[in-house]
C-alpha atoms as a PDB file:
ATOM      1  CA  MET A   1     -46.287 -68.975 -30.804  1.00  0.00           C
ATOM      2  CA  LYS A   2     -48.816 -71.075 -32.854  1.00  0.00           C
ATOM      3  CA  LYS A   3     -48.875 -70.902 -36.598  1.00  0.00           C
ATOM      4  CA  THR A   4     -52.636 -69.535 -36.461  1.00  0.00           C
ATOM      5  CA  THR A   5     -51.628 -66.806 -34.348  1.00  0.00           C
ATOM      6  CA  HIS A   6     -48.787 -65.837 -36.725  1.00  0.00           C
ATOM      7  CA  LEU A   7     -50.942 -66.004 -39.805  1.00  0.00           C
ATOM      8  CA  LEU A   8     -53.850 -63.815 -38.039  1.00  0.00           C
ATOM      9  CA  TRP A   9     -51.552 -60.996 -37.058  1.00  0.00           C
ATOM     10  CA  SER A  10     -49.769 -61.315 -40.732  1.00  0.00           C
ATOM     11  CA  PHE A  11     -53.423 -60.130 -41.860  1.00  0.00           C
ATOM     12  CA  ILE A  12     -54.056 -57.963 -39.267  1.00  0.00           C
ATOM     13  CA  PHE A  13     -50.680 -55.761 -39.218  1.00  0.00           C
ATOM     14  CA  PRO A  14     -50.918 -54.817 -43.119  1.00  0.00           C
ATOM     15  CA  LEU A  15     -54.421 -53.834 -42.540  1.00  0.00           C
ATOM     16  CA  SER A  16     -53.564 -51.570 -39.372  1.00  0.00           C
ATOM     17  CA  SER A  17     -50.813 -49.796 -41.308  1.00  0.00           C
ATOM     18  CA  ILE A  18     -53.506 -48.071 -43.165  1.00  0.00           C
ATOM     19  CA  LEU A  19     -54.405 -46.173 -39.587  1.00  0.00           C
ATOM     20  CA  TRP A  20     -50.855 -45.311 -38.542  1.00  0.00           C
ATOM     21  CA  GLY A  21     -49.018 -44.860 -42.060  1.00  0.00           C
ATOM     22  CA  SER A  22     -48.841 -41.848 -43.797  1.00  0.00           C
ATOM     23  CA  PHE A  23     -49.997 -41.009 -47.501  1.00  0.00           C
ATOM     24  CA  TYR A  24     -47.294 -41.484 -50.177  1.00  0.00           C
ATOM     25  CA  HIS A  25     -47.700 -39.158 -53.320  1.00  0.00           C
ATOM     26  CA  GLU A  26     -47.610 -40.984 -56.499  1.00  0.00           C
ATOM     27  CA  GLY A  27     -48.545 -39.740 -59.795  1.00  0.00           C
ATOM     28  CA  HIS A  28     -51.060 -37.179 -60.590  1.00  0.00           C
ATOM     29  CA  ARG A  29     -53.811 -37.274 -57.750  1.00  0.00           C
ATOM     30  CA  GLU A  30     -52.877 -40.465 -56.495  1.00  0.00           C
ATOM     31  CA  PHE A  31     -51.990 -41.019 -52.855  1.00  0.00           C
ATOM     32  CA  ASN A  32     -50.895 -44.569 -51.616  1.00  0.00           C
ATOM     33  CA  LEU A  33     -50.972 -46.435 -48.169  1.00  0.00           C
ATOM     34  CA  GLY A  34     -49.707 -49.727 -46.709  1.00  0.00           C
ATOM     35  CA  PHE A  35     -47.001 -51.369 -45.234  1.00  0.00           C
ATOM     36  CA  PRO A  36     -44.539 -53.126 -46.520  1.00  0.00           C
ATOM     37  CA  PHE A  37     -45.344 -52.105 -50.060  1.00  0.00           C
ATOM     38  CA  LYS A  38     -48.554 -49.585 -50.847  1.00  0.00           C
ATOM     39  CA  PHE A  39     -51.937 -51.659 -51.511  1.00  0.00           C
ATOM     40  CA  ILE A  40     -54.324 -49.053 -51.173  1.00  0.00           C
ATOM     41  CA  THR A  41     -54.651 -46.164 -53.707  1.00  0.00           C
ATOM     42  CA  TYR A  42     -56.746 -43.240 -53.231  1.00  0.00           C
ATOM     43  CA  HIS A  43     -57.485 -41.074 -56.009  1.00  0.00           C
ATOM     44  CA  GLY A  44     -58.557 -37.392 -55.333  1.00  0.00           C
ATOM     45  CA  LEU A  45     -57.442 -33.917 -55.542  1.00  0.00           C
ATOM     46  CA  GLU A  46     -55.773 -33.788 -52.392  1.00  0.00           C
ATOM     47  CA  THR A  47     -54.828 -36.205 -49.403  1.00  0.00           C
ATOM     48  CA  PRO A  48     -57.758 -36.644 -46.921  1.00  0.00           C
ATOM     49  CA  ASP A  49     -57.306 -35.015 -43.376  1.00  0.00           C
ATOM     50  CA  SER A  50     -57.195 -38.484 -41.791  1.00  0.00           C
ATOM     51  CA  ASN A  51     -56.400 -41.814 -43.027  1.00  0.00           C
ATOM     52  CA  ILE A  52     -59.938 -43.122 -42.139  1.00  0.00           C
ATOM     53  CA  LEU A  53     -61.436 -40.415 -44.291  1.00  0.00           C
ATOM     54  CA  ILE A  54     -60.360 -42.881 -47.412  1.00  0.00           C
ATOM     55  CA  PHE A  55     -63.460 -45.174 -46.266  1.00  0.00           C
ATOM     56  CA  LYS A  56     -65.793 -42.301 -46.570  1.00  0.00           C
ATOM     57  CA  HIS A  57     -65.811 -42.939 -50.484  1.00  0.00           C
ATOM     58  CA  PHE A  58     -64.020 -46.068 -50.568  1.00  0.00           C
ATOM     59  CA  PHE A  59     -65.872 -47.670 -53.715  1.00  0.00           C
ATOM     60  CA  SER A  60     -65.479 -44.709 -55.603  1.00  0.00           C
ATOM     61  CA  LEU A  61     -62.157 -43.140 -55.070  1.00  0.00           C
ATOM     62  CA  THR A  62     -60.085 -45.976 -53.562  1.00  0.00           C
ATOM     63  CA  SER A  63     -58.721 -48.996 -55.160  1.00  0.00           C
ATOM     64  CA  PHE A  64     -57.407 -51.793 -53.021  1.00  0.00           C
ATOM     65  CA  ARG A  65     -54.941 -54.358 -54.823  1.00  0.00           C
ATOM     66  CA  LEU A  66     -55.432 -57.645 -53.235  1.00  0.00           C
ATOM     67  CA  ASP A  67     -52.454 -59.212 -54.701  1.00  0.00           C
ATOM     68  CA  ILE A  68     -50.063 -56.708 -53.243  1.00  0.00           C
ATOM     69  CA  TYR A  69     -52.014 -57.094 -49.967  1.00  0.00           C
ATOM     70  CA  LEU A  70     -51.559 -60.741 -50.036  1.00  0.00           C
ATOM     71  CA  VAL A  71     -47.659 -60.427 -50.740  1.00  0.00           C
ATOM     72  CA  CYS A  72     -47.589 -58.410 -47.798  1.00  0.00           C
ATOM     73  CA  VAL A  73     -49.451 -60.749 -45.583  1.00  0.00           C
ATOM     74  CA  VAL A  74     -46.632 -63.614 -47.014  1.00  0.00           C
ATOM     75  CA  ILE A  75     -43.813 -61.333 -45.832  1.00  0.00           C
ATOM     76  CA  THR A  76     -45.031 -60.379 -42.693  1.00  0.00           C
ATOM     77  CA  TYR A  77     -45.832 -63.970 -41.811  1.00  0.00           C
ATOM     78  CA  TYR A  78     -42.297 -65.009 -42.509  1.00  0.00           C
ATOM     79  CA  SER A  79     -41.167 -62.164 -41.003  1.00  0.00           C
ATOM     80  CA  LEU A  80     -43.043 -62.522 -37.527  1.00  0.00           C
ATOM     81  CA  LYS A  81     -41.625 -66.444 -37.854  1.00  0.00           C
ATOM     82  CA  LEU A  82     -38.229 -65.438 -38.131  1.00  0.00           C
ATOM     83  CA  LEU A  83     -38.372 -62.982 -35.287  1.00  0.00           C
ATOM     84  CA  PHE A  84     -39.978 -65.201 -32.772  1.00  0.00           C
ATOM     85  CA  LYS A  85     -37.480 -68.226 -33.667  1.00  0.00           C
ATOM     86  CA  LEU A  86     -34.292 -65.674 -32.839  1.00  0.00           C
ATOM     87  CA  ILE A  87     -36.307 -64.905 -29.942  1.00  0.00           C
ATOM     88  CA  LYS A  88     -36.620 -67.845 -29.096  1.00  0.00           C
ATOM     89  CA  ARG A  89     -32.803 -68.995 -29.639  1.00  0.00           C
ATOM     90  CA  ILE A  90     -31.792 -65.753 -28.014  1.00  0.00           C
ATOM     91  CA  THR A  91     -33.756 -66.420 -24.758  1.00  0.00           C
ATOM     92  CA  SER A  92     -33.370 -70.407 -24.465  1.00  0.00           C
ATOM     93  CA  PRO A  93     -30.531 -71.672 -22.068  1.00  0.00           C
ATOM     94  CA  SER A  94     -27.681 -72.420 -24.332  1.00  0.00           C
ATOM     95  CA  SER A  95     -26.118 -76.129 -23.277  1.00  0.00           C
END
């Protein structure tokens, strides 16, 4: 797989985790989302009914940590690179 494809998936996977991930309660009225690290914080009285509802008040109740998101991208990139290298090594005929 090409490096650009790895990089594209590395940006998409952490962002998609806010749709399928669960809220992590941290502190008073703070709920975090993200994978592998929590990079979105929702500040509200209670968790929204759905993860997509954090975008309803994105600029007023939600904070996005770009630095942590970029760390997630780097970790995902190297994890995908390692995974595909291992798959290639397992599936290639040994000599």
